[in-house]
Protein backbone atom coordinates (compact mmCIF):
# COMPACT_ATOMS: atom_id res chain seq x y z
CA MET A 1 8.83 288.84 67.25
CA ASN A 2 12.12 290.29 68.47
CA ARG A 3 13.09 293.74 67.27
CA ILE A 4 16.31 294.93 65.65
CA ALA A 5 17.18 298.60 65.30
CA VAL A 6 19.72 299.17 62.53
CA LEU A 7 21.54 302.50 62.57
CA THR A 8 23.20 303.17 59.23
CA GLY A 9 25.43 305.86 57.76
CA ALA A 10 27.30 306.66 54.58
CA GLY A 11 29.50 303.57 54.83
CA VAL A 12 26.59 301.26 54.07
CA SER A 13 26.02 302.97 50.70
CA ALA A 14 29.69 303.53 49.83
CA GLU A 15 29.99 300.04 48.36
CA SER A 16 27.16 300.90 45.98
CA GLY A 17 29.24 303.76 44.63
CA LEU A 18 27.80 306.64 46.63
CA GLY A 19 30.55 308.83 48.05
CA THR A 20 30.78 309.41 51.77
CA TYR A 21 30.83 312.95 53.07
CA ARG A 22 33.61 313.27 55.63
CA ASP A 23 36.22 310.70 54.61
CA ASN A 24 39.24 311.65 52.53
CA GLY A 25 37.96 312.16 49.01
CA GLY A 26 34.41 312.58 50.31
CA LEU A 27 31.89 315.10 49.07
CA TRP A 28 32.89 317.74 51.58
CA ASP A 29 36.39 317.76 50.09
CA ASN A 30 34.86 319.16 46.90
CA TYR A 31 31.87 321.10 48.19
CA ASP A 32 31.50 323.46 51.12
CA PRO A 33 28.66 321.95 53.15
CA TYR A 34 27.66 325.38 54.41
CA GLU A 35 27.17 326.52 50.82
CA VAL A 36 25.19 323.53 49.52
CA ALA A 37 23.71 321.79 52.58
CA SER A 38 22.91 324.44 55.20
CA ILE A 39 19.83 326.55 55.77
CA ASP A 40 21.96 329.69 55.47
CA GLY A 41 23.30 328.42 52.13
CA TRP A 42 19.73 327.89 50.96
CA TYR A 43 18.77 331.46 51.85
CA ARG A 44 21.91 332.84 50.15
CA ASN A 45 21.84 330.83 46.96
CA PRO A 46 18.94 328.38 46.60
CA GLY A 47 19.84 327.71 42.96
CA LYS A 48 23.25 326.36 43.99
CA VAL A 49 21.65 324.11 46.59
CA LEU A 50 19.09 322.82 44.11
CA ASP A 51 21.85 322.04 41.61
CA PHE A 52 23.78 320.09 44.25
CA TYR A 53 20.81 317.87 45.06
CA ASN A 54 19.92 317.50 41.39
CA MET A 55 23.41 316.06 40.98
CA GLN A 56 22.84 313.73 43.94
CA ARG A 57 19.61 312.43 42.40
CA GLU A 58 21.23 311.90 39.03
CA HIS A 59 24.01 309.85 40.61
CA LEU A 60 21.59 307.87 42.78
CA LYS A 61 19.67 306.79 39.67
CA GLU A 62 22.78 304.97 38.44
CA VAL A 63 23.55 302.93 41.57
CA LYS A 64 21.94 299.87 43.13
CA PRO A 65 21.57 298.48 46.65
CA ASN A 66 24.45 296.31 47.76
CA GLU A 67 24.60 293.11 49.79
CA ALA A 68 24.54 295.01 53.09
CA HIS A 69 21.27 296.70 52.17
CA ARG A 70 19.80 293.39 51.01
CA LEU A 71 20.83 291.48 54.13
CA ILE A 72 19.41 294.16 56.42
CA ALA A 73 16.11 293.83 54.54
CA ALA A 74 16.29 290.02 54.66
CA LEU A 75 16.38 290.08 58.48
CA GLU A 76 12.69 290.98 58.30
CA SER A 77 11.92 287.30 57.69
CA ARG A 78 12.60 286.69 61.39
CA TYR A 79 12.65 290.09 63.12
CA ARG A 80 10.83 293.39 63.24
CA VAL A 81 13.57 295.55 61.68
CA ASP A 82 13.60 299.33 62.13
CA VAL A 83 16.20 300.99 59.92
CA ILE A 84 17.25 304.40 61.19
CA THR A 85 19.53 305.97 58.64
CA GLN A 86 21.55 309.13 58.32
CA ASN A 87 21.57 308.51 54.56
CA VAL A 88 19.34 310.48 52.22
CA ASP A 89 19.38 307.86 49.46
CA ASN A 90 16.61 305.30 48.86
CA LEU A 91 18.78 302.18 48.74
CA HIS A 92 17.31 300.60 51.88
CA GLU A 93 13.83 300.84 50.41
CA ARG A 94 14.97 299.56 47.04
CA ALA A 95 16.57 296.57 48.81
CA GLY A 96 13.25 295.70 50.44
CA SER A 97 13.34 297.26 53.92
CA THR A 98 9.79 298.18 54.86
CA HIS A 99 10.34 300.49 57.84
CA VAL A 100 13.00 303.14 57.25
CA VAL A 101 13.35 306.36 59.24
CA HIS A 102 15.44 308.97 57.43
CA LEU A 103 16.93 311.24 60.08
CA HIS A 104 18.40 313.67 57.55
CA GLY A 105 15.66 313.60 54.92
CA GLU A 106 15.30 312.03 51.49
CA VAL A 107 16.99 313.31 48.36
CA THR A 108 14.25 311.98 46.06
CA LYS A 109 11.62 314.11 47.82
CA VAL A 110 10.83 317.84 47.88
CA ARG A 111 8.48 320.15 49.72
CA PRO A 112 7.40 323.80 49.79
CA GLU A 113 10.05 325.81 51.61
CA ASN A 114 7.45 327.13 54.08
CA CYS A 115 6.31 323.66 55.25
CA PHE A 116 7.59 320.86 57.50
CA ASN A 117 8.42 323.12 60.43
CA ASP A 118 7.34 323.93 63.97
CA ALA A 119 4.24 325.73 62.71
CA ASP A 120 2.78 322.62 61.05
CA GLY A 121 4.25 320.10 63.50
CA PHE A 122 6.69 318.85 60.85
CA SER A 123 3.82 317.39 58.86
CA GLU A 124 4.83 315.58 55.68
CA LYS A 125 1.46 316.14 54.01
CA GLN A 126 3.01 318.43 51.40
CA VAL A 127 6.16 316.37 50.87
CA PHE A 128 6.20 314.52 47.56
CA ASP A 129 8.50 312.30 45.55
CA VAL A 130 10.24 313.61 42.42
CA GLY A 131 12.23 310.43 41.89
CA TYR A 132 15.43 311.31 40.06
CA GLY A 133 14.05 314.44 38.39
CA ARG A 134 15.48 317.93 38.48
CA VAL A 135 14.12 320.82 40.54
CA SER A 136 14.89 324.40 39.55
CA LEU A 137 14.34 327.91 40.80
CA GLY A 138 10.80 328.86 39.91
CA ASP A 139 9.44 325.33 40.40
CA LYS A 140 6.53 325.83 42.77
CA ALA A 141 4.51 323.55 44.99
CA PRO A 142 0.72 323.51 44.69
CA ASN A 143 0.61 326.19 47.40
CA GLY A 144 2.61 328.52 45.12
CA VAL A 145 5.82 328.39 47.17
CA GLN A 146 9.29 327.48 45.87
CA LEU A 147 10.18 323.81 46.22
CA ARG A 148 13.21 322.84 48.26
CA PRO A 149 14.89 319.47 48.91
CA HIS A 150 13.29 317.41 51.68
CA ILE A 151 16.62 317.41 53.47
CA VAL A 152 17.57 318.35 57.02
CA PHE A 153 20.08 321.09 56.34
CA PHE A 154 22.88 322.04 58.71
CA GLY A 155 21.33 324.55 61.09
CA GLU A 156 17.93 322.83 61.14
CA ALA A 157 16.30 320.57 63.71
CA VAL A 158 16.23 316.79 63.29
CA PRO A 159 12.48 316.27 63.65
CA LYS A 160 12.52 312.45 63.50
CA LEU A 161 15.01 312.12 66.33
CA MET A 162 12.37 311.32 68.95
CA GLU A 163 10.88 308.60 66.74
CA ALA A 164 14.35 307.12 66.36
CA ILE A 165 14.97 307.22 70.11
CA ASP A 166 11.68 305.40 70.70
CA LEU A 167 12.57 302.66 68.22
CA VAL A 168 16.04 302.11 69.69
CA SER A 169 14.61 302.03 73.22
CA ARG A 170 12.40 299.08 72.21
CA ALA A 171 15.07 297.09 70.37
CA ASP A 172 16.29 293.69 71.47
CA ILE A 173 19.40 294.03 69.29
CA VAL A 174 21.10 297.10 67.83
CA LEU A 175 23.25 297.08 64.70
CA ILE A 176 25.40 300.09 63.78
CA VAL A 177 26.54 299.80 60.18
CA GLY A 178 28.64 302.22 58.17
CA THR A 179 28.73 305.08 60.62
CA SER A 180 31.70 306.04 62.78
CA LEU A 181 29.47 307.46 65.56
CA SER A 182 30.82 310.96 64.98
CA VAL A 183 27.74 312.77 63.63
CA TYR A 184 25.45 314.04 66.36
CA PRO A 185 22.71 313.70 67.38
CA ALA A 186 22.54 310.36 65.52
CA ALA A 187 25.79 309.18 67.12
CA SER A 188 24.16 309.11 70.56
CA LEU A 189 21.16 306.97 69.60
CA TYR A 190 22.66 303.66 70.71
CA ARG A 191 22.69 304.95 74.29
CA TYR A 192 18.91 304.55 74.37
CA ALA A 193 19.07 300.79 73.81
CA PRO A 194 17.80 298.62 76.69
CA ASP A 195 20.49 297.49 79.13
CA GLU A 196 20.30 293.88 77.96
CA ALA A 197 20.46 294.64 74.22
CA PRO A 198 23.72 293.68 72.47
CA ILE A 199 25.13 296.35 70.15
CA TYR A 200 27.13 295.33 67.10
CA VAL A 201 29.25 297.94 65.31
CA VAL A 202 30.34 297.30 61.71
CA ASP A 203 33.14 299.60 60.58
CA PRO A 204 36.47 298.82 58.88
CA LYS A 205 38.27 301.34 61.08
CA PRO A 206 38.57 301.02 64.86
CA VAL A 207 35.74 302.81 66.64
CA PRO A 208 36.00 303.81 70.31
CA LEU A 209 33.61 301.51 72.16
CA HIS A 210 32.21 303.40 75.11
CA ASP A 211 29.67 300.77 76.13
CA ARG A 212 30.20 297.29 77.58
CA ARG A 213 27.44 295.96 75.31
CA MET A 214 29.34 296.87 72.15
CA GLU A 215 31.19 294.48 69.88
CA GLN A 216 32.93 295.75 66.75
CA LEU A 217 33.33 293.86 63.51
CA GLU A 218 36.21 295.60 61.72
CA MET A 219 34.81 294.99 58.26
CA VAL A 220 33.20 296.91 55.45
CA ALA A 221 29.41 296.94 55.54
CA THR A 222 28.80 294.04 53.14
CA GLU A 223 31.22 291.68 54.91
CA GLY A 224 30.06 292.72 58.37
CA MET A 225 26.41 292.17 57.48
CA LYS A 226 27.18 288.71 56.08
CA GLU A 227 28.69 287.79 59.45
CA LEU A 228 25.85 289.32 61.46
CA TYR A 229 23.17 287.79 59.25
CA SER A 230 24.73 284.39 59.79
CA ARG A 231 24.73 284.89 63.57
CA LEU A 232 21.25 286.34 63.82
CA MET A 233 19.52 283.80 61.58
CA LYS A 234 20.83 280.69 63.38
């Protein structure tokens, strides 16, 4: 079975009603990322960070996967599909994708603040799902330590990067959907694709194509995935 690696970003969830971060009108226009999404912000004001992610969970509860999510999942009928996403939402899973690597963490999960680090080899044994519930200061894990979002904050390592590199390096086809290739290290992942692997980029705005294997579909995620699904399922 041929393998597809699908690299996704905020654009794939935007059509479900989840705001992007960096575009005009995005979340970072209204919130300082270094206050609500950095490790320094967590140390300074963990309550503010918890409130921000509580808000994200509450919003996520109200939205549904869109056609792009569903078509990515539907490719599994013919391919081994590895979704590597910068998104922290659970829309790929809710659409039916069975192998999703979250580079930047998952908003519906939490962990003790002293776990998932170099000391424990980034083990997820103490990570657990809170769904769309709230987490507050004073909420402790079973080990007695304050819970924090299971999110890769600015200023922290991206521990699943090597897993993502391995998956891309074994792909026969690479799809890049809803990401403008501007957020590193995720933006460099396509470079690990085999020389013969075609790379399709779905983005409504022109993206600099630095690789001869790349073809851009200047479309929003849902329209681009309809076109790619049609091509790939022939």
